[in-house]
PDB file of N, CA and C in Angstrom:
ATOM      1  N   UNK A   1      75.082  59.557  72.798  1.00  0.00           N
ATOM      2  CA  UNK A   1      73.299  59.670  73.951  1.00  0.00           C
ATOM      3  C   UNK A   1      72.415  60.422  74.253  1.00  0.00           C
ATOM      4  N   UNK A   2      70.915  60.958  74.191  1.00  0.00           N
ATOM      5  CA  UNK A   2      71.332  62.226  74.916  1.00  0.00           C
ATOM      6  C   UNK A   2      70.970  61.801  76.295  1.00  0.00           C
ATOM      7  N   UNK A   3      70.284  62.779  77.934  1.00  0.00           N
ATOM      8  CA  UNK A   3      70.449  63.281  78.478  1.00  0.00           C
ATOM      9  C   UNK A   3      69.282  62.540  79.088  1.00  0.00           C
ATOM     10  N   UNK A   4      68.557  61.983  78.581  1.00  0.00           N
ATOM     11  CA  UNK A   4      67.170  61.024  78.702  1.00  0.00           C
ATOM     12  C   UNK A   4      67.820  59.933  78.546  1.00  0.00           C
ATOM     13  N   UNK A   5      68.368  59.462  78.295  1.00  0.00           N
ATOM     14  CA  UNK A   5      69.072  58.358  77.985  1.00  0.00           C
ATOM     15  C   UNK A   5      69.370  57.691  79.078  1.00  0.00           C
ATOM     16  N   UNK A   6      71.002  58.805  78.934  1.00  0.00           N
ATOM     17  CA  UNK A   6      71.685  58.808  80.098  1.00  0.00           C
ATOM     18  C   UNK A   6      70.729  58.298  81.062  1.00  0.00           C
ATOM     19  N   UNK A   7      69.965  59.705  81.613  1.00  0.00           N
ATOM     20  CA  UNK A   7      69.227  59.545  82.531  1.00  0.00           C
ATOM     21  C   UNK A   7      68.185  58.012  82.826  1.00  0.00           C
ATOM     22  N   UNK A   8      68.077  57.318  82.131  1.00  0.00           N
ATOM     23  CA  UNK A   8      67.129  55.740  81.751  1.00  0.00           C
ATOM     24  C   UNK A   8      68.068  55.515  82.763  1.00  0.00           C
ATOM     25  N   UNK A   9      69.527  55.136  81.982  1.00  0.00           N
ATOM     26  CA  UNK A   9      70.839  54.086  81.953  1.00  0.00           C
ATOM     27  C   UNK A   9      71.325  54.373  83.707  1.00  0.00           C
ATOM     28  N   UNK A  10      71.215  55.448  83.959  1.00  0.00           N
ATOM     29  CA  UNK A  10      71.449  55.750  85.739  1.00  0.00           C
ATOM     30  C   UNK A  10      70.249  55.062  86.280  1.00  0.00           C
ATOM     31  N   UNK A  11      69.104  54.934  86.225  1.00  0.00           N
ATOM     32  CA  UNK A  11      67.973  54.420  87.186  1.00  0.00           C
ATOM     33  C   UNK A  11      67.813  53.594  86.712  1.00  0.00           C
ATOM     34  N   UNK A  12      68.108  52.610  85.833  1.00  0.00           N
ATOM     35  CA  UNK A  12      68.368  50.972  85.201  1.00  0.00           C
ATOM     36  C   UNK A  12      69.775  50.264  86.689  1.00  0.00           C
ATOM     37  N   UNK A  13      71.006  50.952  86.205  1.00  0.00           N
ATOM     38  CA  UNK A  13      71.706  50.559  87.070  1.00  0.00           C
ATOM     39  C   UNK A  13      71.380  50.453  88.307  1.00  0.00           C
ATOM     40  N   UNK A  14      71.139  51.841  88.871  1.00  0.00           N
ATOM     41  CA  UNK A  14      70.536  51.733  90.376  1.00  0.00           C
ATOM     42  C   UNK A  14      70.157  50.969  90.715  1.00  0.00           C
ATOM     43  N   UNK A  15      69.052  50.801  90.803  1.00  0.00           N
ATOM     44  CA  UNK A  15      67.594  49.727  90.113  1.00  0.00           C
ATOM     45  C   UNK A  15      68.994  48.336  90.035  1.00  0.00           C
ATOM     46  N   UNK A  16      69.245  48.128  90.038  1.00  0.00           N
ATOM     47  CA  UNK A  16      70.132  46.704  89.045  1.00  0.00           C
ATOM     48  C   UNK A  16      70.397  46.510  90.959  1.00  0.00           C
ATOM     49  N   UNK A  17      71.662  47.995  91.133  1.00  0.00           N
ATOM     50  CA  UNK A  17      72.663  48.035  92.306  1.00  0.00           C
ATOM     51  C   UNK A  17      71.107  47.384  93.350  1.00  0.00           C
ATOM     52  N   UNK A  18      70.254  48.280  94.113  1.00  0.00           N
ATOM     53  CA  UNK A  18      69.396  48.144  94.984  1.00  0.00           C
ATOM     54  C   UNK A  18      69.287  46.641  95.016  1.00  0.00           C
ATOM     55  N   UNK A  19      68.333  45.952  94.261  1.00  0.00           N
ATOM     56  CA  UNK A  19      68.203  44.130  94.315  1.00  0.00           C
ATOM     57  C   UNK A  19      69.357  43.838  94.510  1.00  0.00           C
ATOM     58  N   UNK A  20      71.175  44.151  94.083  1.00  0.00           N
ATOM     59  CA  UNK A  20      71.901  43.073  93.994  1.00  0.00           C
ATOM     60  C   UNK A  20      71.975  43.196  95.736  1.00  0.00           C
ATOM     61  N   UNK A  21      72.587  44.319  96.257  1.00  0.00           N
ATOM     62  CA  UNK A  21      72.545  44.628  97.770  1.00  0.00           C
ATOM     63  C   UNK A  21      71.665  43.792  98.224  1.00  0.00           C
ATOM     64  N   UNK A  22      70.266  43.880  98.095  1.00  0.00           N
ATOM     65  CA  UNK A  22      68.898  42.805  98.910  1.00  0.00           C
ATOM     66  C   UNK A  22      68.779  41.177  98.435  1.00  0.00           C
ATOM     67  N   UNK A  23      69.897  41.079  97.641  1.00  0.00           N
ATOM     68  CA  UNK A  23      70.393  39.694  98.008  1.00  0.00           C
ATOM     69  C   UNK A  23      70.967  39.297  98.600  1.00  0.00           C
ATOM     70  N   UNK A  24      72.250  40.334  98.817  1.00  0.00           N
ATOM     71  CA  UNK A  24      73.231  40.105  99.444  1.00  0.00           C
ATOM     72  C   UNK A  24      73.162  39.916 100.713  1.00  0.00           C
ATOM     73  N   UNK A  25      72.508  41.069 101.140  1.00  0.00           N
ATOM     74  CA  UNK A  25      72.546  42.049 102.438  1.00  0.00           C
ATOM     75  C   UNK A  25      72.507  40.920 103.771  1.00  0.00           C
ATOM     76  N   UNK A  26      71.748  39.679 103.391  1.00  0.00           N
ATOM     77  CA  UNK A  26      71.616  38.885 103.843  1.00  0.00           C
ATOM     78  C   UNK A  26      73.047  38.027 104.723  1.00  0.00           C
ATOM     79  N   UNK A  27      74.145  37.956 104.155  1.00  0.00           N
ATOM     80  CA  UNK A  27      75.240  38.366 104.062  1.00  0.00           C
ATOM     81  C   UNK A  27      76.179  38.337 104.940  1.00  0.00           C
ATOM     82  N   UNK A  28      75.602  39.068 105.864  1.00  0.00           N
ATOM     83  CA  UNK A  28      76.527  40.534 106.378  1.00  0.00           C
ATOM     84  C   UNK A  28      76.499  40.509 107.863  1.00  0.00           C
ATOM     85  N   UNK A  29      77.425  40.780 108.312  1.00  0.00           N
ATOM     86  CA  UNK A  29      76.877  41.382 109.623  1.00  0.00           C
ATOM     87  C   UNK A  29      77.103  42.796 110.422  1.00  0.00           C
ATOM     88  N   UNK A  30      78.317  43.857 109.140  1.00  0.00           N
ATOM     89  CA  UNK A  30      78.403  45.400 109.319  1.00  0.00           C
ATOM     90  C   UNK A  30      78.174  45.932 108.261  1.00  0.00           C
ATOM     91  N   UNK A  31      77.113  47.141 108.801  1.00  0.00           N
ATOM     92  CA  UNK A  31      77.689  48.159 107.548  1.00  0.00           C
ATOM     93  C   UNK A  31      78.536  49.290 107.905  1.00  0.00           C
ATOM     94  N   UNK A  32      79.459  49.286 107.036  1.00  0.00           N
ATOM     95  CA  UNK A  32      80.805  50.763 106.919  1.00  0.00           C
ATOM     96  C   UNK A  32      80.244  51.803 106.165  1.00  0.00           C
ATOM     97  N   UNK A  33      80.309  53.116 106.566  1.00  0.00           N
ATOM     98  CA  UNK A  33      79.901  54.367 105.426  1.00  0.00           C
ATOM     99  C   UNK A  33      80.887  55.215 106.250  1.00  0.00           C
ATOM    100  N   UNK A  34      81.493  55.402 104.482  1.00  0.00           N
ATOM    101  CA  UNK A  34      82.301  55.979 104.716  1.00  0.00           C
ATOM    102  C   UNK A  34      81.605  57.881 103.634  1.00  0.00           C
ATOM    103  N   UNK A  35      82.488  58.467 103.690  1.00  0.00           N
ATOM    104  CA  UNK A  35      82.189  59.663 103.146  1.00  0.00           C
ATOM    105  C   UNK A  35      82.100  59.033 101.756  1.00  0.00           C
ATOM    106  N   UNK A  36      82.313  58.435 101.020  1.00  0.00           N
ATOM    107  CA  UNK A  36      82.438  57.768  99.487  1.00  0.00           C
ATOM    108  C   UNK A  36      82.150  56.095  99.430  1.00  0.00           C
ATOM    109  N   UNK A  37      82.381  55.636  99.999  1.00  0.00           N
ATOM    110  CA  UNK A  37      81.681  53.983  99.634  1.00  0.00           C
ATOM    111  C   UNK A  37      80.553  53.875 101.229  1.00  0.00           C
ATOM    112  N   UNK A  38      79.765  52.382 100.884  1.00  0.00           N
ATOM    113  CA  UNK A  38      79.003  51.768 101.388  1.00  0.00           C
ATOM    114  C   UNK A  38      79.157  50.844 101.894  1.00  0.00           C
ATOM    115  N   UNK A  39      79.755  50.076 102.154  1.00  0.00           N
ATOM    116  CA  UNK A  39      80.546  48.572 102.199  1.00  0.00           C
ATOM    117  C   UNK A  39      79.481  47.559 103.048  1.00  0.00           C
ATOM    118  N   UNK A  40      79.891  46.502 103.281  1.00  0.00           N
ATOM    119  CA  UNK A  40      78.388  45.572 103.723  1.00  0.00           C
ATOM    120  C   UNK A  40      80.298  44.226 104.113  1.00  0.00           C
ATOM    121  N   UNK A  41      80.335  43.867 104.944  1.00  0.00           N
ATOM    122  CA  UNK A  41      81.238  42.588 105.894  1.00  0.00           C
ATOM    123  C   UNK A  41      81.022  42.252 106.699  1.00  0.00           C
ATOM    124  N   UNK A  42      81.719  41.272 107.360  1.00  0.00           N
ATOM    125  CA  UNK A  42      82.030  40.058 108.740  1.00  0.00           C
ATOM    126  C   UNK A  42      82.801  40.118 109.005  1.00  0.00           C
ATOM    127  N   UNK A  43      84.253  40.631 108.465  1.00  0.00           N
ATOM    128  CA  UNK A  43      85.294  41.445 109.353  1.00  0.00           C
ATOM    129  C   UNK A  43      86.532  42.728 109.108  1.00  0.00           C
ATOM    130  N   UNK A  44      86.367  43.035 109.851  1.00  0.00           N
ATOM    131  CA  UNK A  44      86.923  44.818 109.408  1.00  0.00           C
ATOM    132  C   UNK A  44      87.695  45.248 110.863  1.00  0.00           C
ATOM    133  N   UNK A  45      88.101  46.095 110.681  1.00  0.00           N
ATOM    134  CA  UNK A  45      89.359  46.201 111.974  1.00  0.00           C
ATOM    135  C   UNK A  45      89.223  48.164 111.531  1.00  0.00           C
ATOM    136  N   UNK A  46      89.053  48.505 112.701  1.00  0.00           N
ATOM    137  CA  UNK A  46      89.301  50.336 112.521  1.00  0.00           C
ATOM    138  C   UNK A  46      90.645  50.887 113.070  1.00  0.00           C
ATOM    139  N   UNK A  47      91.413  51.504 112.994  1.00  0.00           N
ATOM    140  CA  UNK A  47      92.850  52.382 113.954  1.00  0.00           C
ATOM    141  C   UNK A  47      92.326  53.506 113.489  1.00  0.00           C
ATOM    142  N   UNK A  48      92.837  54.061 114.771  1.00  0.00           N
ATOM    143  CA  UNK A  48      92.512  55.967 114.761  1.00  0.00           C
ATOM    144  C   UNK A  48      93.971  56.627 114.296  1.00  0.00           C
ATOM    145  N   UNK A  49      94.345  57.131 113.630  1.00  0.00           N
ATOM    146  CA  UNK A  49      95.636  57.524 113.864  1.00  0.00           C
ATOM    147  C   UNK A  49      95.939  59.231 114.109  1.00  0.00           C
ATOM    148  N   UNK A  50      96.623  59.497 114.622  1.00  0.00           N
ATOM    149  CA  UNK A  50      96.815  61.023 115.023  1.00  0.00           C
ATOM    150  C   UNK A  50      98.658  61.494 114.530  1.00  0.00           C
ATOM    151  N   UNK A  51      98.538  62.750 113.564  1.00  0.00           N
ATOM    152  CA  UNK A  51      99.391  62.874 112.701  1.00  0.00           C
ATOM    153  C   UNK A  51     100.141  63.818 112.573  1.00  0.00           C
ATOM    154  N   UNK A  52     100.788  65.024 113.690  1.00  0.00           N
ATOM    155  CA  UNK A  52     100.796  66.261 113.713  1.00  0.00           C
ATOM    156  C   UNK A  52      99.262  66.173 114.100  1.00  0.00           C
ATOM    157  N   UNK A  53      98.957  67.002 114.871  1.00  0.00           N
ATOM    158  CA  UNK A  53      97.117  66.674 115.244  1.00  0.00           C
ATOM    159  C   UNK A  53      96.579  66.321 114.168  1.00  0.00           C
ATOM    160  N   UNK A  54      96.516  66.543 112.899  1.00  0.00           N
ATOM    161  CA  UNK A  54      95.442  65.558 112.241  1.00  0.00           C
ATOM    162  C   UNK A  54      95.040  64.137 112.667  1.00  0.00           C
ATOM    163  N   UNK A  55      93.558  64.094 112.728  1.00  0.00           N
ATOM    164  CA  UNK A  55      93.536  62.994 113.188  1.00  0.00           C
ATOM    165  C   UNK A  55      92.423  62.225 111.513  1.00  0.00           C
ATOM    166  N   UNK A  56      93.129  61.061 111.778  1.00  0.00           N
ATOM    167  CA  UNK A  56      92.897  60.129 110.334  1.00  0.00           C
ATOM    168  C   UNK A  56      92.291  58.891 110.413  1.00  0.00           C
ATOM    169  N   UNK A  57      90.971  58.050 110.313  1.00  0.00           N
ATOM    170  CA  UNK A  57      90.677  56.808 110.229  1.00  0.00           C
ATOM    171  C   UNK A  57      91.120  55.662 108.935  1.00  0.00           C
ATOM    172  N   UNK A  58      91.855  54.709 109.505  1.00  0.00           N
ATOM    173  CA  UNK A  58      92.372  53.021 108.641  1.00  0.00           C
ATOM    174  C   UNK A  58      91.244  52.525 108.523  1.00  0.00           C
ATOM    175  N   UNK A  59      90.237  51.444 107.497  1.00  0.00           N
ATOM    176  CA  UNK A  59      89.624  50.449 108.249  1.00  0.00           C
ATOM    177  C   UNK A  59      89.840  49.593 107.040  1.00  0.00           C
ATOM    178  N   UNK A  60      90.157  48.307 107.247  1.00  0.00           N
ATOM    179  CA  UNK A  60      90.619  46.905 106.509  1.00  0.00           C
ATOM    180  C   UNK A  60      89.357  46.479 106.442  1.00  0.00           C
ATOM    181  N   UNK A  61      89.312  46.064 105.980  1.00  0.00           N
ATOM    182  CA  UNK A  61      87.645  44.653 105.792  1.00  0.00           C
ATOM    183  C   UNK A  61      88.201  43.402 104.793  1.00  0.00           C
ATOM    184  N   UNK A  62      87.640  42.697 104.775  1.00  0.00           N
ATOM    185  CA  UNK A  62      87.883  40.834 103.858  1.00  0.00           C
ATOM    186  C   UNK A  62      86.278  40.808 103.567  1.00  0.00           C
ATOM    187  N   UNK A  63      86.507  39.850 102.918  1.00  0.00           N
ATOM    188  CA  UNK A  63      85.361  40.258 102.403  1.00  0.00           C
ATOM    189  C   UNK A  63      83.924  40.695 102.073  1.00  0.00           C
ATOM    190  N   UNK A  64      84.512  41.752 101.128  1.00  0.00           N
ATOM    191  CA  UNK A  64      83.465  43.234 101.463  1.00  0.00           C
ATOM    192  C   UNK A  64      82.963  43.220 100.370  1.00  0.00           C
ATOM    193  N   UNK A  65      81.630  43.192 100.166  1.00  0.00           N
ATOM    194  CA  UNK A  65      81.057  44.147  98.969  1.00  0.00           C
ATOM    195  C   UNK A  65      80.571  45.420  98.854  1.00  0.00           C
ATOM    196  N   UNK A  66      80.600  46.217  98.043  1.00  0.00           N
ATOM    197  CA  UNK A  66      81.108  48.008  97.506  1.00  0.00           C
ATOM    198  C   UNK A  66      79.398  48.403  97.882  1.00  0.00           C
ATOM    199  N   UNK A  67      79.164  49.424  97.789  1.00  0.00           N
ATOM    200  CA  UNK A  67      77.641  50.109  97.025  1.00  0.00           C
ATOM    201  C   UNK A  67      78.241  50.728  95.403  1.00  0.00           C
ATOM    202  N   UNK A  68      78.836  50.203  94.667  1.00  0.00           N
ATOM    203  CA  UNK A  68      79.017  51.152  93.257  1.00  0.00           C
ATOM    204  C   UNK A  68      78.853  50.793  92.785  1.00  0.00           C
ATOM    205  N   UNK A  69      77.800  51.480  91.173  1.00  0.00           N
ATOM    206  CA  UNK A  69      76.885  51.189  90.553  1.00  0.00           C
ATOM    207  C   UNK A  69      78.429  50.789  89.340  1.00  0.00           C
ATOM    208  N   UNK A  70      79.350  51.646  89.688  1.00  0.00           N
ATOM    209  CA  UNK A  70      80.145  51.966  88.572  1.00  0.00           C
ATOM    210  C   UNK A  70      80.971  50.847  88.295  1.00  0.00           C
ATOM    211  N   UNK A  71      80.876  49.848  89.819  1.00  0.00           N
ATOM    212  CA  UNK A  71      81.477  48.929  89.806  1.00  0.00           C
ATOM    213  C   UNK A  71      81.682  47.265  88.913  1.00  0.00           C
ATOM    214  N   UNK A  72      81.890  47.397  88.049  1.00  0.00           N
ATOM    215  CA  UNK A  72      81.978  46.089  87.167  1.00  0.00           C
ATOM    216  C   UNK A  72      81.849  44.354  88.378  1.00  0.00           C
ATOM    217  N   UNK A  73      82.927  44.768  89.697  1.00  0.00           N
ATOM    218  CA  UNK A  73      82.749  43.646  90.204  1.00  0.00           C
ATOM    219  C   UNK A  73      82.662  44.656  91.966  1.00  0.00           C
ATOM    220  N   UNK A  74      81.517  43.939  92.714  1.00  0.00           N
ATOM    221  CA  UNK A  74      81.449  44.829  93.415  1.00  0.00           C
ATOM    222  C   UNK A  74      81.957  43.702  95.042  1.00  0.00           C
ATOM    223  N   UNK A  75      81.385  42.451  94.537  1.00  0.00           N
ATOM    224  CA  UNK A  75      82.875  41.785  95.905  1.00  0.00           C
ATOM    225  C   UNK A  75      83.955  41.885  95.871  1.00  0.00           C
ATOM    226  N   UNK A  76      84.946  42.555  96.839  1.00  0.00           N
ATOM    227  CA  UNK A  76      86.146  42.599  96.624  1.00  0.00           C
ATOM    228  C   UNK A  76      87.221  41.114  98.031  1.00  0.00           C
ATOM    229  N   UNK A  77      87.955  41.068  97.454  1.00  0.00           N
ATOM    230  CA  UNK A  77      88.778  40.563  99.224  1.00  0.00           C
ATOM    231  C   UNK A  77      89.178  40.709  99.848  1.00  0.00           C
ATOM    232  N   UNK A  78      90.233  42.160  99.583  1.00  0.00           N
ATOM    233  CA  UNK A  78      90.381  42.918 100.869  1.00  0.00           C
ATOM    234  C   UNK A  78      89.984  44.529  99.712  1.00  0.00           C
ATOM    235  N   UNK A  79      90.029  45.435 101.390  1.00  0.00           N
ATOM    236  CA  UNK A  79      89.728  46.516 101.401  1.00  0.00           C
ATOM    237  C   UNK A  79      90.910  47.253 102.827  1.00  0.00           C
ATOM    238  N   UNK A  80      91.049  48.389 102.036  1.00  0.00           N
ATOM    239  CA  UNK A  80      91.853  49.185 102.793  1.00  0.00           C
ATOM    240  C   UNK A  80      91.274  50.126 102.838  1.00  0.00           C
ATOM    241  N   UNK A  81      90.465  51.379 103.875  1.00  0.00           N
ATOM    242  CA  UNK A  81      90.057  52.568 102.924  1.00  0.00           C
ATOM    243  C   UNK A  81      90.888  53.722 104.382  1.00  0.00           C
ATOM    244  N   UNK A  82      91.469  54.831 103.732  1.00  0.00           N
ATOM    245  CA  UNK A  82      92.044  56.161 104.698  1.00  0.00           C
ATOM    246  C   UNK A  82      90.990  57.086 104.594  1.00  0.00           C
ATOM    247  N   UNK A  83      90.349  57.235 106.023  1.00  0.00           N
ATOM    248  CA  UNK A  83      89.529  59.149 105.355  1.00  0.00           C
ATOM    249  C   UNK A  83      89.510  60.045 106.754  1.00  0.00           C
ATOM    250  N   UNK A  84      90.129  60.749 106.589  1.00  0.00           N
ATOM    251  CA  UNK A  84      89.462  62.234 107.545  1.00  0.00           C
ATOM    252  C   UNK A  84      88.321  63.095 107.996  1.00  0.00           C
ATOM    253  N   UNK A  85      87.750  61.986 107.559  1.00  0.00           N
ATOM    254  CA  UNK A  85      85.879  62.501 107.362  1.00  0.00           C
ATOM    255  C   UNK A  85      85.307  60.847 108.155  1.00  0.00           C
ATOM    256  N   UNK A  86      83.882  60.971 109.036  1.00  0.00           N
ATOM    257  CA  UNK A  86      83.426  60.479 109.471  1.00  0.00           C
ATOM    258  C   UNK A  86      83.437  58.873 109.129  1.00  0.00           C
ATOM    259  N   UNK A  87      82.961  57.740 110.079  1.00  0.00           N
ATOM    260  CA  UNK A  87      82.883  56.297 109.411  1.00  0.00           C
ATOM    261  C   UNK A  87      81.999  56.301 111.088  1.00  0.00           C
ATOM    262  N   UNK A  88      80.973  55.759 109.502  1.00  0.00           N
ATOM    263  CA  UNK A  88      80.143  54.755 110.076  1.00  0.00           C
ATOM    264  C   UNK A  88      80.053  53.275 110.277  1.00  0.00           C
ATOM    265  N   UNK A  89      79.966  52.654 111.809  1.00  0.00           N
ATOM    266  CA  UNK A  89      79.857  51.693 111.643  1.00  0.00           C
ATOM    267  C   UNK A  89      78.637  50.898 112.593  1.00  0.00           C
ATOM    268  N   UNK A  90      78.145  50.617 111.357  1.00  0.00           N
ATOM    269  CA  UNK A  90      76.559  49.348 111.825  1.00  0.00           C
ATOM    270  C   UNK A  90      76.805  48.042 112.590  1.00  0.00           C
ATOM    271  N   UNK A  91      76.059  47.482 113.078  1.00  0.00           N
ATOM    272  CA  UNK A  91      76.027  45.978 113.689  1.00  0.00           C
ATOM    273  C   UNK A  91      74.900  45.851 112.683  1.00  0.00           C
ATOM    274  N   UNK A  92      74.450  45.048 111.736  1.00  0.00           N
ATOM    275  CA  UNK A  92      73.022  44.677 111.187  1.00  0.00           C
ATOM    276  C   UNK A  92      71.957  43.807 111.869  1.00  0.00           C
ATOM    277  N   UNK A  93      70.783  44.473 112.224  1.00  0.00           N
ATOM    278  CA  UNK A  93      70.198  43.515 113.009  1.00  0.00           C
ATOM    279  C   UNK A  93      69.168  42.191 111.906  1.00  0.00           C
ATOM    280  N   UNK A  94      69.469  41.357 112.821  1.00  0.00           N
ATOM    281  CA  UNK A  94      68.920  40.171 111.435  1.00  0.00           C
ATOM    282  C   UNK A  94      67.557  39.931 111.636  1.00  0.00           C
ATOM    283  N   UNK A  95      66.850  40.123 113.099  1.00  0.00           N
ATOM    284  CA  UNK A  95      65.336  40.760 112.704  1.00  0.00           C
ATOM    285  C   UNK A  95      64.728  41.278 112.079  1.00  0.00           C
ATOM    286  N   UNK A  96      65.242  42.676 111.239  1.00  0.00           N
ATOM    287  CA  UNK A  96      65.083  42.917 110.478  1.00  0.00           C
ATOM    288  C   UNK A  96      65.744  42.762 109.139  1.00  0.00           C
ATOM    289  N   UNK A  97      65.672  41.697 108.083  1.00  0.00           N
ATOM    290  CA  UNK A  97      66.578  41.291 107.436  1.00  0.00           C
ATOM    291  C   UNK A  97      65.256  40.736 106.792  1.00  0.00           C
ATOM    292  N   UNK A  98      64.384  39.919 107.524  1.00  0.00           N
ATOM    293  CA  UNK A  98      64.078  38.074 107.675  1.00  0.00           C
ATOM    294  C   UNK A  98      62.519  39.144 107.682  1.00  0.00           C
ATOM    295  N   UNK A  99      61.565  38.267 106.800  1.00  0.00           N
ATOM    296  CA  UNK A  99      60.346  38.662 107.070  1.00  0.00           C
ATOM    297  C   UNK A  99      59.644  37.340 107.970  1.00  0.00           C
ATOM    298  N   UNK A 100      58.289  38.325 109.021  1.00  0.00           N
ATOM    299  CA  UNK A 100      58.200  37.232 109.871  1.00  0.00           C
ATOM    300  C   UNK A 100      57.460  35.742 109.110  1.00  0.00           C
ATOM    301  N   UNK A 101      57.861  34.591 110.063  1.00  0.00           N
ATOM    302  CA  UNK A 101      56.822  33.825 109.772  1.00  0.00           C
ATOM    303  C   UNK A 101      55.833  33.810 109.280  1.00  0.00           C
ATOM    304  N   UNK A 102      55.168  34.317 110.063  1.00  0.00           N
ATOM    305  CA  UNK A 102      53.263  35.190 109.763  1.00  0.00           C
ATOM    306  C   UNK A 102      53.049  36.082 109.264  1.00  0.00           C
ATOM    307  N   UNK A 103      53.817  36.507 107.762  1.00  0.00           N
ATOM    308  CA  UNK A 103      53.476  37.912 107.807  1.00  0.00           C
ATOM    309  C   UNK A 103      52.807  37.232 106.784  1.00  0.00           C
ATOM    310  N   UNK A 104      52.025  36.420 105.864  1.00  0.00           N
ATOM    311  CA  UNK A 104      51.678  36.065 104.672  1.00  0.00           C
ATOM    312  C   UNK A 104      51.807  35.607 103.526  1.00  0.00           C
ATOM    313  N   UNK A 105      53.225  36.372 103.729  1.00  0.00           N
ATOM    314  CA  UNK A 105      53.661  36.464 101.993  1.00  0.00           C
ATOM    315  C   UNK A 105      54.117  35.411 101.576  1.00  0.00           C
ATOM    316  N   UNK A 106      53.605  34.499 100.838  1.00  0.00           N
ATOM    317  CA  UNK A 106      54.218  33.291  99.763  1.00  0.00           C
ATOM    318  C   UNK A 106      55.059  33.441  98.623  1.00  0.00           C
ATOM    319  N   UNK A 107      55.927  33.045  98.293  1.00  0.00           N
ATOM    320  CA  UNK A 107      57.122  33.079  96.829  1.00  0.00           C
ATOM    321  C   UNK A 107      56.153  31.756  95.965  1.00  0.00           C
ATOM    322  N   UNK A 108      57.296  32.381  95.154  1.00  0.00           N
ATOM    323  CA  UNK A 108      56.837  30.827  93.903  1.00  0.00           C
ATOM    324  C   UNK A 108      54.808  31.590  93.717  1.00  0.00           C
ATOM    325  N   UNK A 109      54.825  32.863  93.239  1.00  0.00           N
ATOM    326  CA  UNK A 109      53.605  32.674  92.343  1.00  0.00           C
ATOM    327  C   UNK A 109      52.420  32.875  93.653  1.00  0.00           C
ATOM    328  N   UNK A 110      51.971  31.778  95.016  1.00  0.00           N
ATOM    329  CA  UNK A 110      50.940  31.343  94.881  1.00  0.00           C
ATOM    330  C   UNK A 110      50.383  33.105  94.987  1.00  0.00           C
TER     331      UNK A 110
END
């Protein structure tokens, strides 16, 4: 496999992942971003721990979707993340995900 073939494969995988994200993002309430992964979930709990002066975060999520193009299945039942790095949690704004009704967009190839 040439470097060009590998690059083409990775580009196709990223596009496929983006399309899947676009299809599922409306199903979720929260975006959780860690150093290594990006998650969509409706239910999470975060605890902050301090052990001997070291602070770390423990995040648990139920029924989540993981942004990772190398995973064969991106929907996961339970996720537990431990990290010493920053964690970003955002609540999705539903109005940003929906097209306005008077946008002029018509589905179905009209």
